[in-house]
């Protein structure tokens, strides 16, 4: 059975990410280049969301009247602290990868 290729698409040239319309392949030579741009910004965004979540959970905990509301606030605060620990661990894992590979990831 002979299989023929109907269409071929070069994704590096097909997608543009910049306002000037430059192809992705000219802006980011490797997938690592793109990840190196996204990852530090992702850490900042996650940190801001975490801070907001901690404030909201603390506000729920302090202003609640019933025991069930206090438990819900405490549970939210526990989730926020767990999220902080995961964010902290992922940052240090990225630092360890950066140290061993010599490639700048987090800035």
PDB file of N, CA and C in Angstrom:
ATOM      1  N   UNK A   1       0.841  -1.175   0.000  1.00  0.00           N
ATOM      2  CA  UNK A   1       0.000   0.000   0.000  1.00  0.00           C
ATOM      3  C   UNK A   1       0.889   1.242   0.000  1.00  0.00           C
ATOM      4  N   UNK A   2       0.710   2.081  -0.983  1.00  0.00           N
ATOM      5  CA  UNK A   2       1.510   3.292  -1.108  1.00  0.00           C
ATOM      6  C   UNK A   2       0.744   4.482  -0.533  1.00  0.00           C
ATOM      7  N   UNK A   3       1.336   5.113   0.434  1.00  0.00           N
ATOM      8  CA  UNK A   3       0.693   6.292   1.038  1.00  0.00           C
ATOM      9  C   UNK A   3       1.333   7.548   0.472  1.00  0.00           C
ATOM     10  N   UNK A   4       0.526   8.436  -0.001  1.00  0.00           N
ATOM     11  CA  UNK A   4       1.043   9.685  -0.540  1.00  0.00           C
ATOM     12  C   UNK A   4       0.696  10.817   0.402  1.00  0.00           C
ATOM     13  N   UNK A   5       1.571  11.782   0.458  1.00  0.00           N
ATOM     14  CA  UNK A   5       1.379  12.948   1.310  1.00  0.00           C
ATOM     15  C   UNK A   5       0.519  13.956   0.569  1.00  0.00           C
ATOM     16  N   UNK A   6      -0.632  14.268   1.135  1.00  0.00           N
ATOM     17  CA  UNK A   6      -1.562  15.168   0.470  1.00  0.00           C
ATOM     18  C   UNK A   6      -1.147  16.625   0.659  1.00  0.00           C
ATOM     19  N   UNK A   7      -0.815  16.993   1.897  1.00  0.00           N
ATOM     20  CA  UNK A   7      -0.449  18.375   2.166  1.00  0.00           C
ATOM     21  C   UNK A   7       0.653  18.397   3.221  1.00  0.00           C
ATOM     22  N   UNK A   8       1.518  19.354   3.098  1.00  0.00           N
ATOM     23  CA  UNK A   8       2.594  19.520   4.064  1.00  0.00           C
ATOM     24  C   UNK A   8       2.569  20.960   4.549  1.00  0.00           C
ATOM     25  N   UNK A   9       2.601  21.112   5.876  1.00  0.00           N
ATOM     26  CA  UNK A   9       2.549  22.448   6.461  1.00  0.00           C
ATOM     27  C   UNK A   9       3.779  22.649   7.324  1.00  0.00           C
ATOM     28  N   UNK A  10       4.492  23.710   7.068  1.00  0.00           N
ATOM     29  CA  UNK A  10       5.639  24.075   7.893  1.00  0.00           C
ATOM     30  C   UNK A  10       5.125  24.997   8.999  1.00  0.00           C
ATOM     31  N   UNK A  11       4.970  24.435  10.216  1.00  0.00           N
ATOM     32  CA  UNK A  11       4.380  25.207  11.307  1.00  0.00           C
ATOM     33  C   UNK A  11       5.223  26.414  11.692  1.00  0.00           C
ATOM     34  N   UNK A  12       6.529  26.328  11.522  1.00  0.00           N
ATOM     35  CA  UNK A  12       7.391  27.471  11.852  1.00  0.00           C
ATOM     36  C   UNK A  12       7.081  28.673  10.971  1.00  0.00           C
ATOM     37  N   UNK A  13       6.637  28.421   9.767  1.00  0.00           N
ATOM     38  CA  UNK A  13       6.318  29.513   8.853  1.00  0.00           C
ATOM     39  C   UNK A  13       4.825  29.836   8.842  1.00  0.00           C
ATOM     40  N   UNK A  14       3.990  28.904   9.281  1.00  0.00           N
ATOM     41  CA  UNK A  14       2.547  29.093   9.195  1.00  0.00           C
ATOM     42  C   UNK A  14       2.007  30.000  10.290  1.00  0.00           C
ATOM     43  N   UNK A  15       2.614  29.981  11.465  1.00  0.00           N
ATOM     44  CA  UNK A  15       2.107  30.766  12.589  1.00  0.00           C
ATOM     45  C   UNK A  15       2.952  32.005  12.812  1.00  0.00           C
ATOM     46  N   UNK A  16       2.270  33.115  13.106  1.00  0.00           N
ATOM     47  CA  UNK A  16       2.958  34.352  13.455  1.00  0.00           C
ATOM     48  C   UNK A  16       2.523  34.770  14.846  1.00  0.00           C
ATOM     49  N   UNK A  17       3.476  35.202  15.659  1.00  0.00           N
ATOM     50  CA  UNK A  17       3.175  35.624  17.019  1.00  0.00           C
ATOM     51  C   UNK A  17       3.431  37.108  17.249  1.00  0.00           C
ATOM     52  N   UNK A  18       4.216  37.699  16.418  1.00  0.00           N
ATOM     53  CA  UNK A  18       4.587  39.092  16.636  1.00  0.00           C
ATOM     54  C   UNK A  18       3.672  40.018  15.849  1.00  0.00           C
ATOM     55  N   UNK A  19       3.515  41.263  16.310  1.00  0.00           N
ATOM     56  CA  UNK A  19       2.666  42.209  15.584  1.00  0.00           C
ATOM     57  C   UNK A  19       3.164  42.499  14.166  1.00  0.00           C
ATOM     58  N   UNK A  20       4.473  42.367  13.935  1.00  0.00           N
ATOM     59  CA  UNK A  20       5.026  42.629  12.611  1.00  0.00           C
ATOM     60  C   UNK A  20       4.758  41.519  11.622  1.00  0.00           C
ATOM     61  N   UNK A  21       4.227  40.403  12.089  1.00  0.00           N
ATOM     62  CA  UNK A  21       3.902  39.299  11.215  1.00  0.00           C
ATOM     63  C   UNK A  21       5.072  38.382  10.901  1.00  0.00           C
ATOM     64  N   UNK A  22       6.134  38.455  11.733  1.00  0.00           N
ATOM     65  CA  UNK A  22       7.261  37.560  11.512  1.00  0.00           C
ATOM     66  C   UNK A  22       6.857  36.131  11.859  1.00  0.00           C
ATOM     67  N   UNK A  23       7.288  35.155  11.083  1.00  0.00           N
ATOM     68  CA  UNK A  23       6.957  33.762  11.408  1.00  0.00           C
ATOM     69  C   UNK A  23       7.607  33.334  12.724  1.00  0.00           C
ATOM     70  N   UNK A  24       6.974  32.387  13.374  1.00  0.00           N
ATOM     71  CA  UNK A  24       7.458  31.887  14.658  1.00  0.00           C
ATOM     72  C   UNK A  24       8.882  31.355  14.529  1.00  0.00           C
ATOM     73  N   UNK A  25       9.177  30.691  13.441  1.00  0.00           N
ATOM     74  CA  UNK A  25      10.499  30.101  13.236  1.00  0.00           C
ATOM     75  C   UNK A  25      11.619  31.122  13.194  1.00  0.00           C
ATOM     76  N   UNK A  26      11.319  32.371  12.829  1.00  0.00           N
ATOM     77  CA  UNK A  26      12.348  33.405  12.795  1.00  0.00           C
ATOM     78  C   UNK A  26      12.521  34.072  14.150  1.00  0.00           C
ATOM     79  N   UNK A  27      11.464  34.107  14.952  1.00  0.00           N
ATOM     80  CA  UNK A  27      11.527  34.748  16.265  1.00  0.00           C
ATOM     81  C   UNK A  27      12.087  33.794  17.309  1.00  0.00           C
ATOM     82  N   UNK A  28      11.579  32.559  17.335  1.00  0.00           N
ATOM     83  CA  UNK A  28      12.006  31.546  18.302  1.00  0.00           C
ATOM     84  C   UNK A  28      12.595  30.374  17.528  1.00  0.00           C
ATOM     85  N   UNK A  29      13.896  30.216  17.630  1.00  0.00           N
ATOM     86  CA  UNK A  29      14.580  29.179  16.855  1.00  0.00           C
ATOM     87  C   UNK A  29      14.270  27.777  17.366  1.00  0.00           C
ATOM     88  N   UNK A  30      14.084  27.643  18.690  1.00  0.00           N
ATOM     89  CA  UNK A  30      13.789  26.337  19.278  1.00  0.00           C
ATOM     90  C   UNK A  30      12.600  26.478  20.224  1.00  0.00           C
ATOM     91  N   UNK A  31      11.937  25.387  20.570  1.00  0.00           N
ATOM     92  CA  UNK A  31      10.857  25.465  21.560  1.00  0.00           C
ATOM     93  C   UNK A  31      11.348  25.994  22.911  1.00  0.00           C
ATOM     94  N   UNK A  32      12.606  25.732  23.237  1.00  0.00           N
ATOM     95  CA  UNK A  32      13.163  26.227  24.500  1.00  0.00           C
ATOM     96  C   UNK A  32      13.186  27.755  24.543  1.00  0.00           C
ATOM     97  N   UNK A  33      13.414  28.390  23.411  1.00  0.00           N
ATOM     98  CA  UNK A  33      13.393  29.859  23.371  1.00  0.00           C
ATOM     99  C   UNK A  33      12.017  30.399  23.748  1.00  0.00           C
ATOM    100  N   UNK A  34      10.978  29.762  23.249  1.00  0.00           N
ATOM    101  CA  UNK A  34       9.615  30.179  23.570  1.00  0.00           C
ATOM    102  C   UNK A  34       9.304  29.927  25.040  1.00  0.00           C
ATOM    103  N   UNK A  35       9.702  28.771  25.558  1.00  0.00           N
ATOM    104  CA  UNK A  35       9.461  28.455  26.968  1.00  0.00           C
ATOM    105  C   UNK A  35      10.217  29.420  27.871  1.00  0.00           C
ATOM    106  N   UNK A  36      11.422  29.816  27.480  1.00  0.00           N
ATOM    107  CA  UNK A  36      12.200  30.764  28.278  1.00  0.00           C
ATOM    108  C   UNK A  36      11.542  32.131  28.358  1.00  0.00           C
ATOM    109  N   UNK A  37      10.717  32.460  27.402  1.00  0.00           N
ATOM    110  CA  UNK A  37       9.974  33.722  27.452  1.00  0.00           C
ATOM    111  C   UNK A  37       8.714  33.567  28.304  1.00  0.00           C
ATOM    112  N   UNK A  38       8.041  32.447  28.181  1.00  0.00           N
ATOM    113  CA  UNK A  38       6.762  32.242  28.859  1.00  0.00           C
ATOM    114  C   UNK A  38       6.926  31.954  30.349  1.00  0.00           C
ATOM    115  N   UNK A  39       7.900  31.139  30.722  1.00  0.00           N
ATOM    116  CA  UNK A  39       8.008  30.651  32.099  1.00  0.00           C
ATOM    117  C   UNK A  39       8.158  31.750  33.153  1.00  0.00           C
ATOM    118  N   UNK A  40       9.058  32.731  32.995  1.00  0.00           N
ATOM    119  CA  UNK A  40       9.137  33.773  34.030  1.00  0.00           C
ATOM    120  C   UNK A  40       7.836  34.563  34.171  1.00  0.00           C
ATOM    121  N   UNK A  41       7.177  34.832  33.066  1.00  0.00           N
ATOM    122  CA  UNK A  41       5.902  35.549  33.122  1.00  0.00           C
ATOM    123  C   UNK A  41       4.822  34.704  33.782  1.00  0.00           C
ATOM    124  N   UNK A  42       4.877  33.406  33.583  1.00  0.00           N
ATOM    125  CA  UNK A  42       3.929  32.500  34.210  1.00  0.00           C
ATOM    126  C   UNK A  42       4.108  32.482  35.729  1.00  0.00           C
ATOM    127  N   UNK A  43       5.358  32.528  36.190  1.00  0.00           N
ATOM    128  CA  UNK A  43       5.615  32.587  37.626  1.00  0.00           C
ATOM    129  C   UNK A  43       5.060  33.876  38.235  1.00  0.00           C
ATOM    130  N   UNK A  44       5.224  34.987  37.554  1.00  0.00           N
ATOM    131  CA  UNK A  44       4.694  36.262  38.056  1.00  0.00           C
ATOM    132  C   UNK A  44       3.171  36.214  38.118  1.00  0.00           C
ATOM    133  N   UNK A  45       2.540  35.738  37.066  1.00  0.00           N
ATOM    134  CA  UNK A  45       1.085  35.645  37.019  1.00  0.00           C
ATOM    135  C   UNK A  45       0.555  34.724  38.117  1.00  0.00           C
ATOM    136  N   UNK A  46       1.201  33.562  38.295  1.00  0.00           N
ATOM    137  CA  UNK A  46       0.776  32.622  39.336  1.00  0.00           C
ATOM    138  C   UNK A  46       0.968  33.225  40.718  1.00  0.00           C
ATOM    139  N   UNK A  47       2.034  33.974  40.917  1.00  0.00           N
ATOM    140  CA  UNK A  47       2.272  34.623  42.202  1.00  0.00           C
ATOM    141  C   UNK A  47       1.210  35.665  42.525  1.00  0.00           C
ATOM    142  N   UNK A  48       0.808  36.432  41.520  1.00  0.00           N
ATOM    143  CA  UNK A  48      -0.245  37.429  41.738  1.00  0.00           C
ATOM    144  C   UNK A  48      -1.582  36.768  42.050  1.00  0.00           C
ATOM    145  N   UNK A  49      -1.908  35.713  41.317  1.00  0.00           N
ATOM    146  CA  UNK A  49      -3.143  34.980  41.610  1.00  0.00           C
ATOM    147  C   UNK A  49      -3.106  34.368  43.005  1.00  0.00           C
ATOM    148  N   UNK A  50      -1.972  33.869  43.392  1.00  0.00           N
ATOM    149  CA  UNK A  50      -1.815  33.286  44.723  1.00  0.00           C
ATOM    150  C   UNK A  50      -2.014  34.331  45.811  1.00  0.00           C
ATOM    151  N   UNK A  51      -1.454  35.510  45.623  1.00  0.00           N
ATOM    152  CA  UNK A  51      -1.612  36.589  46.592  1.00  0.00           C
ATOM    153  C   UNK A  51      -3.078  36.989  46.735  1.00  0.00           C
ATOM    154  N   UNK A  52      -3.769  37.111  45.613  1.00  0.00           N
ATOM    155  CA  UNK A  52      -5.194  37.457  45.655  1.00  0.00           C
ATOM    156  C   UNK A  52      -5.986  36.365  46.356  1.00  0.00           C
ATOM    157  N   UNK A  53      -5.661  35.117  46.057  1.00  0.00           N
ATOM    158  CA  UNK A  53      -6.379  33.992  46.669  1.00  0.00           C
ATOM    159  C   UNK A  53      -6.162  33.953  48.181  1.00  0.00           C
ATOM    160  N   UNK A  54      -4.950  34.251  48.626  1.00  0.00           N
ATOM    161  CA  UNK A  54      -4.670  34.273  50.067  1.00  0.00           C
ATOM    162  C   UNK A  54      -5.459  35.397  50.743  1.00  0.00           C
ATOM    163  N   UNK A  55      -5.516  36.563  50.127  1.00  0.00           N
ATOM    164  CA  UNK A  55      -6.290  37.666  50.704  1.00  0.00           C
ATOM    165  C   UNK A  55      -7.774  37.334  50.795  1.00  0.00           C
ATOM    166  N   UNK A  56      -8.312  36.745  49.736  1.00  0.00           N
ATOM    167  CA  UNK A  56      -9.739  36.398  49.734  1.00  0.00           C
ATOM    168  C   UNK A  56     -10.021  35.326  50.775  1.00  0.00           C
ATOM    169  N   UNK A  57      -9.167  34.314  50.873  1.00  0.00           N
ATOM    170  CA  UNK A  57      -9.369  33.248  51.851  1.00  0.00           C
ATOM    171  C   UNK A  57      -9.263  33.794  53.272  1.00  0.00           C
ATOM    172  N   UNK A  58      -8.296  34.670  53.510  1.00  0.00           N
ATOM    173  CA  UNK A  58      -8.164  35.282  54.832  1.00  0.00           C
ATOM    174  C   UNK A  58      -9.350  36.157  55.181  1.00  0.00           C
ATOM    175  N   UNK A  59      -9.852  36.891  54.191  1.00  0.00           N
ATOM    176  CA  UNK A  59     -11.024  37.736  54.418  1.00  0.00           C
ATOM    177  C   UNK A  59     -12.247  36.884  54.753  1.00  0.00           C
ATOM    178  N   UNK A  60     -12.416  35.773  54.031  1.00  0.00           N
ATOM    179  CA  UNK A  60     -13.520  34.854  54.333  1.00  0.00           C
ATOM    180  C   UNK A  60     -13.401  34.302  55.748  1.00  0.00           C
ATOM    181  N   UNK A  61     -12.193  33.946  56.134  1.00  0.00           N
ATOM    182  CA  UNK A  61     -11.969  33.357  57.444  1.00  0.00           C
ATOM    183  C   UNK A  61     -12.250  34.359  58.566  1.00  0.00           C
ATOM    184  N   UNK A  62     -11.818  35.590  58.401  1.00  0.00           N
ATOM    185  CA  UNK A  62     -11.969  36.612  59.449  1.00  0.00           C
ATOM    186  C   UNK A  62     -13.410  37.103  59.555  1.00  0.00           C
ATOM    187  N   UNK A  63     -14.085  37.261  58.435  1.00  0.00           N
ATOM    188  CA  UNK A  63     -15.427  37.854  58.458  1.00  0.00           C
ATOM    189  C   UNK A  63     -16.554  36.835  58.572  1.00  0.00           C
ATOM    190  N   UNK A  64     -16.250  35.559  58.646  1.00  0.00           N
ATOM    191  CA  UNK A  64     -17.317  34.559  58.700  1.00  0.00           C
ATOM    192  C   UNK A  64     -17.953  34.507  60.085  1.00  0.00           C
ATOM    193  N   UNK A  65     -19.260  34.207  60.099  1.00  0.00           N
ATOM    194  CA  UNK A  65     -20.012  34.133  61.352  1.00  0.00           C
ATOM    195  C   UNK A  65     -20.176  32.704  61.838  1.00  0.00           C
ATOM    196  N   UNK A  66     -20.426  31.805  60.924  1.00  0.00           N
ATOM    197  CA  UNK A  66     -20.713  30.423  61.328  1.00  0.00           C
ATOM    198  C   UNK A  66     -19.445  29.570  61.293  1.00  0.00           C
ATOM    199  N   UNK A  67     -19.546  28.438  61.955  1.00  0.00           N
ATOM    200  CA  UNK A  67     -18.422  27.516  61.999  1.00  0.00           C
ATOM    201  C   UNK A  67     -18.144  26.931  60.612  1.00  0.00           C
ATOM    202  N   UNK A  68     -19.186  26.666  59.839  1.00  0.00           N
ATOM    203  CA  UNK A  68     -19.018  26.117  58.491  1.00  0.00           C
ATOM    204  C   UNK A  68     -18.283  27.112  57.581  1.00  0.00           C
ATOM    205  N   UNK A  69     -18.595  28.396  57.719  1.00  0.00           N
ATOM    206  CA  UNK A  69     -17.926  29.423  56.920  1.00  0.00           C
ATOM    207  C   UNK A  69     -16.455  29.534  57.308  1.00  0.00           C
ATOM    208  N   UNK A  70     -16.170  29.434  58.605  1.00  0.00           N
ATOM    209  CA  UNK A  70     -14.780  29.472  59.059  1.00  0.00           C
ATOM    210  C   UNK A  70     -14.003  28.274  58.522  1.00  0.00           C
ATOM    211  N   UNK A  71     -14.636  27.106  58.518  1.00  0.00           N
ATOM    212  CA  UNK A  71     -13.976  25.919  57.978  1.00  0.00           C
ATOM    213  C   UNK A  71     -13.709  26.076  56.482  1.00  0.00           C
ATOM    214  N   UNK A  72     -14.664  26.671  55.769  1.00  0.00           N
ATOM    215  CA  UNK A  72     -14.482  26.908  54.327  1.00  0.00           C
ATOM    216  C   UNK A  72     -13.329  27.889  54.097  1.00  0.00           C
ATOM    217  N   UNK A  73     -13.264  28.937  54.902  1.00  0.00           N
ATOM    218  CA  UNK A  73     -12.163  29.892  54.789  1.00  0.00           C
ATOM    219  C   UNK A  73     -10.827  29.247  55.113  1.00  0.00           C
ATOM    220  N   UNK A  74     -10.795  28.404  56.151  1.00  0.00           N
ATOM    221  CA  UNK A  74      -9.560  27.712  56.512  1.00  0.00           C
ATOM    222  C   UNK A  74      -9.136  26.747  55.410  1.00  0.00           C
ATOM    223  N   UNK A  75     -10.106  26.074  54.789  1.00  0.00           N
ATOM    224  CA  UNK A  75      -9.802  25.151  53.696  1.00  0.00           C
ATOM    225  C   UNK A  75      -9.239  25.920  52.495  1.00  0.00           C
ATOM    226  N   UNK A  76      -9.819  27.081  52.198  1.00  0.00           N
ATOM    227  CA  UNK A  76      -9.316  27.901  51.096  1.00  0.00           C
ATOM    228  C   UNK A  76      -7.899  28.378  51.378  1.00  0.00           C
ATOM    229  N   UNK A  77      -7.649  28.748  52.634  1.00  0.00           N
ATOM    230  CA  UNK A  77      -6.309  29.190  53.010  1.00  0.00           C
ATOM    231  C   UNK A  77      -5.309  28.035  52.902  1.00  0.00           C
ATOM    232  N   UNK A  78      -5.724  26.840  53.267  1.00  0.00           N
ATOM    233  CA  UNK A  78      -4.865  25.665  53.129  1.00  0.00           C
ATOM    234  C   UNK A  78      -4.536  25.411  51.663  1.00  0.00           C
ATOM    235  N   UNK A  79      -5.524  25.539  50.792  1.00  0.00           N
ATOM    236  CA  UNK A  79      -5.280  25.366  49.361  1.00  0.00           C
ATOM    237  C   UNK A  79      -4.319  26.432  48.835  1.00  0.00           C
ATOM    238  N   UNK A  80      -4.459  27.652  49.317  1.00  0.00           N
ATOM    239  CA  UNK A  80      -3.577  28.726  48.874  1.00  0.00           C
ATOM    240  C   UNK A  80      -2.141  28.462  49.323  1.00  0.00           C
ATOM    241  N   UNK A  81      -1.963  27.994  50.532  1.00  0.00           N
ATOM    242  CA  UNK A  81      -0.612  27.692  51.019  1.00  0.00           C
ATOM    243  C   UNK A  81      -0.021  26.520  50.251  1.00  0.00           C
ATOM    244  N   UNK A  82      -0.837  25.515  49.947  1.00  0.00           N
ATOM    245  CA  UNK A  82      -0.368  24.392  49.136  1.00  0.00           C
ATOM    246  C   UNK A  82       0.038  24.874  47.744  1.00  0.00           C
ATOM    247  N   UNK A  83      -0.734  25.781  47.178  1.00  0.00           N
ATOM    248  CA  UNK A  83      -0.386  26.364  45.883  1.00  0.00           C
ATOM    249  C   UNK A  83       0.925  27.121  45.940  1.00  0.00           C
ATOM    250  N   UNK A  84       1.146  27.848  47.043  1.00  0.00           N
ATOM    251  CA  UNK A  84       2.406  28.556  47.212  1.00  0.00           C
ATOM    252  C   UNK A  84       3.575  27.577  47.254  1.00  0.00           C
ATOM    253  N   UNK A  85       3.411  26.488  47.985  1.00  0.00           N
ATOM    254  CA  UNK A  85       4.486  25.499  48.073  1.00  0.00           C
ATOM    255  C   UNK A  85       4.771  24.867  46.710  1.00  0.00           C
ATOM    256  N   UNK A  86       3.730  24.601  45.926  1.00  0.00           N
ATOM    257  CA  UNK A  86       3.934  24.061  44.581  1.00  0.00           C
ATOM    258  C   UNK A  86       4.631  25.069  43.670  1.00  0.00           C
ATOM    259  N   UNK A  87       4.240  26.333  43.772  1.00  0.00           N
ATOM    260  CA  UNK A  87       4.876  27.378  42.976  1.00  0.00           C
ATOM    261  C   UNK A  87       6.342  27.522  43.366  1.00  0.00           C
ATOM    262  N   UNK A  88       6.612  27.503  44.664  1.00  0.00           N
ATOM    263  CA  UNK A  88       7.978  27.603  45.166  1.00  0.00           C
ATOM    264  C   UNK A  88       8.824  26.427  44.681  1.00  0.00           C
ATOM    265  N   UNK A  89       8.260  25.213  44.762  1.00  0.00           N
ATOM    266  CA  UNK A  89       8.982  24.024  44.313  1.00  0.00           C
ATOM    267  C   UNK A  89       9.247  24.070  42.814  1.00  0.00           C
ATOM    268  N   UNK A  90       8.275  24.516  42.030  1.00  0.00           N
ATOM    269  CA  UNK A  90       8.476  24.565  40.578  1.00  0.00           C
ATOM    270  C   UNK A  90       9.532  25.593  40.204  1.00  0.00           C
ATOM    271  N   UNK A  91       9.588  26.706  40.938  1.00  0.00           N
ATOM    272  CA  UNK A  91      10.625  27.714  40.689  1.00  0.00           C
ATOM    273  C   UNK A  91      12.004  27.113  40.945  1.00  0.00           C
ATOM    274  N   UNK A  92      12.147  26.404  42.043  1.00  0.00           N
ATOM    275  CA  UNK A  92      13.457  25.841  42.368  1.00  0.00           C
ATOM    276  C   UNK A  92      13.815  24.677  41.458  1.00  0.00           C
ATOM    277  N   UNK A  93      12.851  23.949  40.989  1.00  0.00           N
ATOM    278  CA  UNK A  93      13.139  22.902  40.007  1.00  0.00           C
ATOM    279  C   UNK A  93      13.662  23.544  38.722  1.00  0.00           C
ATOM    280  N   UNK A  94      13.046  24.654  38.323  1.00  0.00           N
ATOM    281  CA  UNK A  94      13.534  25.375  37.139  1.00  0.00           C
ATOM    282  C   UNK A  94      14.947  25.906  37.378  1.00  0.00           C
ATOM    283  N   UNK A  95      15.239  26.369  38.592  1.00  0.00           N
ATOM    284  CA  UNK A  95      16.584  26.847  38.918  1.00  0.00           C
ATOM    285  C   UNK A  95      17.597  25.706  38.846  1.00  0.00           C
ATOM    286  N   UNK A  96      17.228  24.536  39.339  1.00  0.00           N
ATOM    287  CA  UNK A  96      18.132  23.381  39.299  1.00  0.00           C
ATOM    288  C   UNK A  96      18.398  22.967  37.853  1.00  0.00           C
ATOM    289  N   UNK A  97      17.356  22.944  37.034  1.00  0.00           N
ATOM    290  CA  UNK A  97      17.535  22.619  35.615  1.00  0.00           C
ATOM    291  C   UNK A  97      18.446  23.644  34.958  1.00  0.00           C
ATOM    292  N   UNK A  98      18.249  24.919  35.305  1.00  0.00           N
ATOM    293  CA  UNK A  98      19.086  25.980  34.755  1.00  0.00           C
ATOM    294  C   UNK A  98      20.548  25.795  35.168  1.00  0.00           C
ATOM    295  N   UNK A  99      20.777  25.414  36.407  1.00  0.00           N
ATOM    296  CA  UNK A  99      22.140  25.226  36.900  1.00  0.00           C
ATOM    297  C   UNK A  99      22.843  24.083  36.175  1.00  0.00           C
ATOM    298  N   UNK A 100      22.155  22.956  36.022  1.00  0.00           N
ATOM    299  CA  UNK A 100      22.788  21.783  35.418  1.00  0.00           C
ATOM    300  C   UNK A 100      22.912  21.868  33.905  1.00  0.00           C
ATOM    301  N   UNK A 101      21.997  22.557  33.256  1.00  0.00           N
ATOM    302  CA  UNK A 101      22.075  22.637  31.794  1.00  0.00           C
ATOM    303  C   UNK A 101      22.813  23.871  31.309  1.00  0.00           C
ATOM    304  N   UNK A 102      22.877  24.902  32.151  1.00  0.00           N
ATOM    305  CA  UNK A 102      23.543  26.134  31.760  1.00  0.00           C
ATOM    306  C   UNK A 102      22.697  27.043  30.892  1.00  0.00           C
ATOM    307  N   UNK A 103      21.421  26.712  30.731  1.00  0.00           N
ATOM    308  CA  UNK A 103      20.511  27.514  29.917  1.00  0.00           C
ATOM    309  C   UNK A 103      19.711  28.411  30.840  1.00  0.00           C
ATOM    310  N   UNK A 104      19.660  29.703  30.540  1.00  0.00           N
ATOM    311  CA  UNK A 104      18.909  30.647  31.370  1.00  0.00           C
ATOM    312  C   UNK A 104      17.416  30.451  31.145  1.00  0.00           C
ATOM    313  N   UNK A 105      16.681  30.134  32.233  1.00  0.00           N
ATOM    314  CA  UNK A 105      15.250  29.875  32.133  1.00  0.00           C
ATOM    315  C   UNK A 105      14.461  30.969  32.815  1.00  0.00           C
ATOM    316  N   UNK A 106      14.761  31.224  34.067  1.00  0.00           N
ATOM    317  CA  UNK A 106      13.929  32.101  34.884  1.00  0.00           C
ATOM    318  C   UNK A 106      14.463  33.522  34.929  1.00  0.00           C
ATOM    319  N   UNK A 107      15.471  33.828  34.261  1.00  0.00           N
ATOM    320  CA  UNK A 107      15.925  35.221  34.213  1.00  0.00           C
ATOM    321  C   UNK A 107      17.232  35.384  34.735  1.00  0.00           C
TER     322      UNK A 107
END
